[in-house]
C-alpha atoms as a PDB file:
ATOM      1  CA  MET A   1      19.152  -4.642 -27.381  1.00  0.00           C
ATOM      2  CA  PHE A   2      15.805  -2.820 -27.309  1.00  0.00           C
ATOM      3  CA  LYS A   3      14.910  -4.563 -30.565  1.00  0.00           C
ATOM      4  CA  LEU A   4      15.521  -7.935 -28.873  1.00  0.00           C
ATOM      5  CA  VAL A   5      13.411  -6.971 -25.862  1.00  0.00           C
ATOM      6  CA  LEU A   6      10.578  -5.685 -28.057  1.00  0.00           C
ATOM      7  CA  GLY A   7      10.719  -8.838 -30.199  1.00  0.00           C
ATOM      8  CA  ASN A   8      10.558 -11.021 -27.092  1.00  0.00           C
ATOM      9  CA  LEU A   9       7.641  -8.974 -25.761  1.00  0.00           C
ATOM     10  CA  ILE A  10       5.779  -9.615 -29.022  1.00  0.00           C
ATOM     11  CA  LYS A  11       6.556 -13.357 -28.683  1.00  0.00           C
ATOM     12  CA  VAL A  12       5.082 -13.362 -25.189  1.00  0.00           C
ATOM     13  CA  ILE A  13       1.985 -11.461 -26.307  1.00  0.00           C
ATOM     14  CA  LYS A  14       1.434 -13.834 -29.243  1.00  0.00           C
ATOM     15  CA  SER A  15       1.729 -16.998 -27.166  1.00  0.00           C
ATOM     16  CA  PRO A  16      -1.790 -17.801 -25.946  1.00  0.00           C
ATOM     17  CA  PHE A  17      -1.304 -19.751 -22.715  1.00  0.00           C
ATOM     18  CA  PRO A  18       1.304 -17.507 -20.990  1.00  0.00           C
ATOM     19  CA  MET A  19      -0.544 -14.386 -22.091  1.00  0.00           C
ATOM     20  CA  PHE A  20      -3.824 -15.805 -20.744  1.00  0.00           C
ATOM     21  CA  LEU A  21      -2.126 -16.368 -17.377  1.00  0.00           C
ATOM     22  CA  GLY A  22      -0.688 -12.832 -17.502  1.00  0.00           C
ATOM     23  CA  ILE A  23      -4.101 -11.321 -18.221  1.00  0.00           C
ATOM     24  CA  ILE A  24      -5.655 -13.252 -15.341  1.00  0.00           C
ATOM     25  CA  ALA A  25      -2.823 -12.150 -12.997  1.00  0.00           C
ATOM     26  CA  GLY A  26      -3.083  -8.508 -14.118  1.00  0.00           C
ATOM     27  CA  ILE A  27      -6.856  -8.426 -13.678  1.00  0.00           C
ATOM     28  CA  THR A  28      -6.555 -10.043 -10.248  1.00  0.00           C
ATOM     29  CA  ILE A  29      -3.987  -7.482  -9.110  1.00  0.00           C
ATOM     30  CA  TYR A  30      -6.139  -4.685 -10.537  1.00  0.00           C
ATOM     31  CA  PHE A  31      -9.169  -5.837  -8.520  1.00  0.00           C
ATOM     32  CA  VAL A  32      -7.076  -6.233  -5.362  1.00  0.00           C
ATOM     33  CA  ILE A  33      -5.707  -2.720  -5.843  1.00  0.00           C
ATOM     34  CA  ASN A  34      -9.152  -1.215  -6.465  1.00  0.00           C
ATOM     35  CA  HIS A  35     -10.574  -2.992  -3.430  1.00  0.00           C
ATOM     36  CA  PHE A  36      -8.211  -0.996  -1.199  1.00  0.00           C
ATOM     37  CA  MET A  37      -8.544   2.338  -3.027  1.00  0.00           C
ATOM     38  CA  ASP A  38     -11.247   4.972  -3.087  1.00  0.00           C
ATOM     39  CA  TYR A  39     -10.450   7.703  -5.595  1.00  0.00           C
ATOM     40  CA  MET A  40     -12.850  10.288  -4.154  1.00  0.00           C
ATOM     41  CA  HIS A  41     -11.421   9.965  -0.640  1.00  0.00           C
ATOM     42  CA  ILE A  42      -7.877  10.285  -1.941  1.00  0.00           C
ATOM     43  CA  LEU A  43      -8.905  13.279  -4.030  1.00  0.00           C
ATOM     44  CA  GLY A  44     -10.493  14.987  -1.028  1.00  0.00           C
ATOM     45  CA  ASN A  45      -7.694  14.218   1.415  1.00  0.00           C
ATOM     46  CA  GLN A  46      -4.521  14.365  -0.668  1.00  0.00           C
ATOM     47  CA  GLY A  47      -5.371  16.492  -3.698  1.00  0.00           C
ATOM     48  CA  LEU A  48      -5.689  16.079  -7.452  1.00  0.00           C
ATOM     49  CA  LEU A  49      -2.045  15.375  -8.286  1.00  0.00           C
ATOM     50  CA  TYR A  50      -1.643  12.686  -5.640  1.00  0.00           C
ATOM     51  CA  ALA A  51      -4.979  11.081  -6.541  1.00  0.00           C
ATOM     52  CA  ASN A  52      -4.138  10.933 -10.247  1.00  0.00           C
ATOM     53  CA  ILE A  53      -0.684   9.488  -9.619  1.00  0.00           C
ATOM     54  CA  GLU A  54      -2.280   6.822  -7.453  1.00  0.00           C
ATOM     55  CA  TYR A  55      -5.095   6.115  -9.890  1.00  0.00           C
ATOM     56  CA  TYR A  56      -3.023   5.830 -13.072  1.00  0.00           C
ATOM     57  CA  GLY A  57      -0.111   4.229 -11.237  1.00  0.00           C
ATOM     58  CA  ASN A  58      -2.418   1.372 -10.284  1.00  0.00           C
ATOM     59  CA  TYR A  59      -3.184   0.715 -13.945  1.00  0.00           C
ATOM     60  CA  VAL A  60       0.529   0.701 -14.747  1.00  0.00           C
ATOM     61  CA  ILE A  61       1.194  -1.731 -11.894  1.00  0.00           C
ATOM     62  CA  ALA A  62      -1.547  -4.102 -13.061  1.00  0.00           C
ATOM     63  CA  VAL A  63      -0.275  -4.097 -16.657  1.00  0.00           C
ATOM     64  CA  LEU A  64       3.362  -4.528 -15.614  1.00  0.00           C
ATOM     65  CA  PHE A  65       2.469  -7.309 -13.201  1.00  0.00           C
ATOM     66  CA  GLY A  66       0.532  -9.094 -15.942  1.00  0.00           C
ATOM     67  CA  LEU A  67       3.422  -8.745 -18.412  1.00  0.00           C
ATOM     68  CA  ILE A  68       5.990  -9.954 -15.880  1.00  0.00           C
ATOM     69  CA  PHE A  69       3.777 -12.906 -14.991  1.00  0.00           C
ATOM     70  CA  ALA A  70       3.211 -13.705 -18.673  1.00  0.00           C
ATOM     71  CA  SER A  71       6.918 -13.532 -19.522  1.00  0.00           C
ATOM     72  CA  SER A  72       7.840 -15.714 -16.539  1.00  0.00           C
ATOM     73  CA  SER A  73       5.098 -18.166 -17.545  1.00  0.00           C
ATOM     74  CA  TYR A  74       6.450 -18.159 -21.097  1.00  0.00           C
ATOM     75  CA  LYS A  75       9.907 -19.080 -19.851  1.00  0.00           C
ATOM     76  CA  ILE A  76       8.547 -21.851 -17.640  1.00  0.00           C
ATOM     77  CA  PHE A  77       6.170 -23.151 -20.327  1.00  0.00           C
ATOM     78  CA  TYR A  78       8.706 -23.294 -23.157  1.00  0.00           C
ATOM     79  CA  PHE A  79      11.974 -23.881 -21.314  1.00  0.00           C
ATOM     80  CA  GLY A  80      10.906 -25.438 -18.028  1.00  0.00           C
ATOM     81  CA  SER A  81      13.148 -23.123 -16.043  1.00  0.00           C
ATOM     82  CA  PHE A  82      12.457 -20.390 -13.559  1.00  0.00           C
ATOM     83  CA  ASN A  83      15.328 -18.806 -11.712  1.00  0.00           C
ATOM     84  CA  ALA A  84      14.128 -17.163  -8.513  1.00  0.00           C
ATOM     85  CA  LYS A  85      17.349 -15.144  -8.326  1.00  0.00           C
ATOM     86  CA  GLU A  86      16.659 -13.546 -11.727  1.00  0.00           C
ATOM     87  CA  ASN A  87      13.020 -12.803 -10.908  1.00  0.00           C
ATOM     88  CA  SER A  88      13.498 -11.553  -7.352  1.00  0.00           C
ATOM     89  CA  SER A  89      13.409  -7.938  -8.543  1.00  0.00           C
ATOM     90  CA  SER A  90       9.949  -8.431 -10.031  1.00  0.00           C
ATOM     91  CA  ILE A  91       8.748  -9.870  -6.728  1.00  0.00           C
ATOM     92  CA  LEU A  92      10.267  -6.916  -4.847  1.00  0.00           C
ATOM     93  CA  GLY A  93       8.775  -4.375  -7.254  1.00  0.00           C
ATOM     94  CA  SER A  94       5.353  -5.975  -7.043  1.00  0.00           C
ATOM     95  CA  PHE A  95       5.542  -6.058  -3.256  1.00  0.00           C
ATOM     96  CA  LEU A  96       6.540  -2.389  -3.000  1.00  0.00           C
ATOM     97  CA  SER A  97       3.770  -1.404  -5.375  1.00  0.00           C
ATOM     98  CA  LEU A  98       1.143  -3.373  -3.492  1.00  0.00           C
ATOM     99  CA  ILE A  99       1.924  -1.948  -0.046  1.00  0.00           C
ATOM    100  CA  SER A 100       1.641   1.593  -1.402  1.00  0.00           C
ATOM    101  CA  ILE A 101      -1.899   1.234  -2.709  1.00  0.00           C
ATOM    102  CA  GLY A 102      -4.256   4.172  -2.426  1.00  0.00           C
ATOM    103  CA  CYS A 103      -4.332   6.628   0.414  1.00  0.00           C
ATOM    104  CA  PRO A 104      -1.948   6.303   3.363  1.00  0.00           C
ATOM    105  CA  ALA A 105      -4.670   4.681   5.466  1.00  0.00           C
ATOM    106  CA  CYS A 106      -5.207   1.999   2.812  1.00  0.00           C
ATOM    107  CA  GLY A 107      -1.482   1.394   2.487  1.00  0.00           C
ATOM    108  CA  ILE A 108      -1.165   1.114   6.241  1.00  0.00           C
ATOM    109  CA  THR A 109      -3.909  -1.512   6.228  1.00  0.00           C
ATOM    110  CA  ILE A 110      -1.946  -3.725   3.850  1.00  0.00           C
ATOM    111  CA  ALA A 111       1.432  -2.908   5.414  1.00  0.00           C
ATOM    112  CA  SER A 112       0.147  -3.677   8.913  1.00  0.00           C
ATOM    113  CA  TYR A 113      -0.615  -7.248   7.857  1.00  0.00           C
ATOM    114  CA  ILE A 114       3.132  -7.778   7.577  1.00  0.00           C
ATOM    115  CA  GLY A 115       4.271  -5.305  10.225  1.00  0.00           C
ATOM    116  CA  LEU A 116       5.424  -2.406   8.035  1.00  0.00           C
ATOM    117  CA  SER A 117       2.938   0.286   8.983  1.00  0.00           C
ATOM    118  CA  GLY A 118       5.655   2.443  10.582  1.00  0.00           C
ATOM    119  CA  LEU A 119       7.486   2.527   7.257  1.00  0.00           C
ATOM    120  CA  ILE A 120       4.515   4.092   5.454  1.00  0.00           C
ATOM    121  CA  LEU A 121       3.986   6.658   8.233  1.00  0.00           C
ATOM    122  CA  SER A 122       7.604   7.796   8.160  1.00  0.00           C
ATOM    123  CA  LEU A 123       7.669   8.579   4.437  1.00  0.00           C
ATOM    124  CA  PRO A 124       7.271  12.273   3.494  1.00  0.00           C
ATOM    125  CA  TYR A 125       4.905  11.771   0.539  1.00  0.00           C
ATOM    126  CA  SER A 126       2.591   9.211   2.167  1.00  0.00           C
ATOM    127  CA  GLY A 127       3.944   6.196   0.317  1.00  0.00           C
ATOM    128  CA  ILE A 128       3.751   7.520  -3.248  1.00  0.00           C
ATOM    129  CA  GLU A 129       7.528   7.164  -3.434  1.00  0.00           C
ATOM    130  CA  LEU A 130       7.156   3.426  -2.796  1.00  0.00           C
ATOM    131  CA  LYS A 131       4.695   3.171  -5.681  1.00  0.00           C
ATOM    132  CA  ILE A 132       7.056   5.003  -8.047  1.00  0.00           C
ATOM    133  CA  LEU A 133      10.013   2.927  -6.859  1.00  0.00           C
ATOM    134  CA  GLY A 134       7.973  -0.258  -7.298  1.00  0.00           C
ATOM    135  CA  ILE A 135       7.002   0.730 -10.851  1.00  0.00           C
ATOM    136  CA  LEU A 136      10.633   1.473 -11.721  1.00  0.00           C
ATOM    137  CA  ILE A 137      11.793  -1.851 -10.301  1.00  0.00           C
ATOM    138  CA  MET A 138       9.031  -3.655 -12.198  1.00  0.00           C
ATOM    139  CA  LEU A 139      10.065  -1.926 -15.456  1.00  0.00           C
ATOM    140  CA  ILE A 140      13.703  -2.901 -14.953  1.00  0.00           C
ATOM    141  CA  SER A 141      12.701  -6.433 -14.052  1.00  0.00           C
ATOM    142  CA  LEU A 142      10.486  -6.745 -17.122  1.00  0.00           C
ATOM    143  CA  PHE A 143      13.336  -5.465 -19.288  1.00  0.00           C
ATOM    144  CA  PHE A 144      15.803  -8.048 -17.977  1.00  0.00           C
ATOM    145  CA  THR A 145      13.235 -10.844 -18.027  1.00  0.00           C
ATOM    146  CA  LEU A 146      12.465 -10.112 -21.675  1.00  0.00           C
ATOM    147  CA  LYS A 147      16.149  -9.675 -22.501  1.00  0.00           C
ATOM    148  CA  ASN A 148      16.941 -13.167 -21.197  1.00  0.00           C
ATOM    149  CA  LEU A 149      13.642 -14.723 -22.251  1.00  0.00           C
ATOM    150  CA  GLU A 150      15.040 -17.415 -24.513  1.00  0.00           C
ATOM    151  CA  VAL A 151      18.378 -17.858 -22.799  1.00  0.00           C
ATOM    152  CA  CYS A 152      18.774 -21.243 -21.211  1.00  0.00           C
ATOM    153  CA  LYS A 153      21.628 -21.300 -18.725  1.00  0.00           C
ATOM    154  CA  MET A 154      22.891 -24.829 -18.357  1.00  0.00           C
ATOM    155  CA  LYS A 155      25.776 -25.852 -16.162  1.00  0.00           C
ATOM    156  CA  LYS A 156      28.553 -27.918 -17.689  1.00  0.00           C
ATOM    157  CA  LYS A 157      29.428 -31.231 -16.125  1.00  0.00           C
ATOM    158  CA  LYS A 158      32.994 -31.524 -14.995  1.00  0.00           C
END
C-alpha cells in the first residue's frame, strides 16, 4: 500500500500543471503563515521549544498543503472528479493548522475572525496542540488522497 501511495506521489510531482498549482498554493500559505508569525517574539514569550515547533511546523504545513492541493488538482485535471466528502479531512486539517499560527496572540487574531478565540485561550499549550493535530490530519488526508488518486468511483445505472 505504501508503494502505491509513494508511486502516486511521484506521479503528482512529475505532472507539471497540478504540481505548479500545488507550489503556488504552498507558497501562498507559507506567506500567510509568516505574515502572522514573529519568531523572536515567540522565542521571548514562549521559549525555544515552542518557538521551534511553531517555526518548523509552519514549513511542514505549507509543504503538506501544497501536496494536498497538487494531488487534488491532479485528480480534477486527469479525471474531472473531486469528491468533497473524501477531501473534507484535508480542509479540516488545513483549517486547524491555520488558526494555530504563531504565538497565542497571533492565533487569536485569526480565530477571532471566525469567532473561535475562546477555543485558543482554553487550550493548555497555547494552541500548539491544534497545530500538531492539524498536521496529523493533513498527513492522513494526503495518504488517503494519494491512495485513491487514480480510482474513479462511478455509480451503476439501474
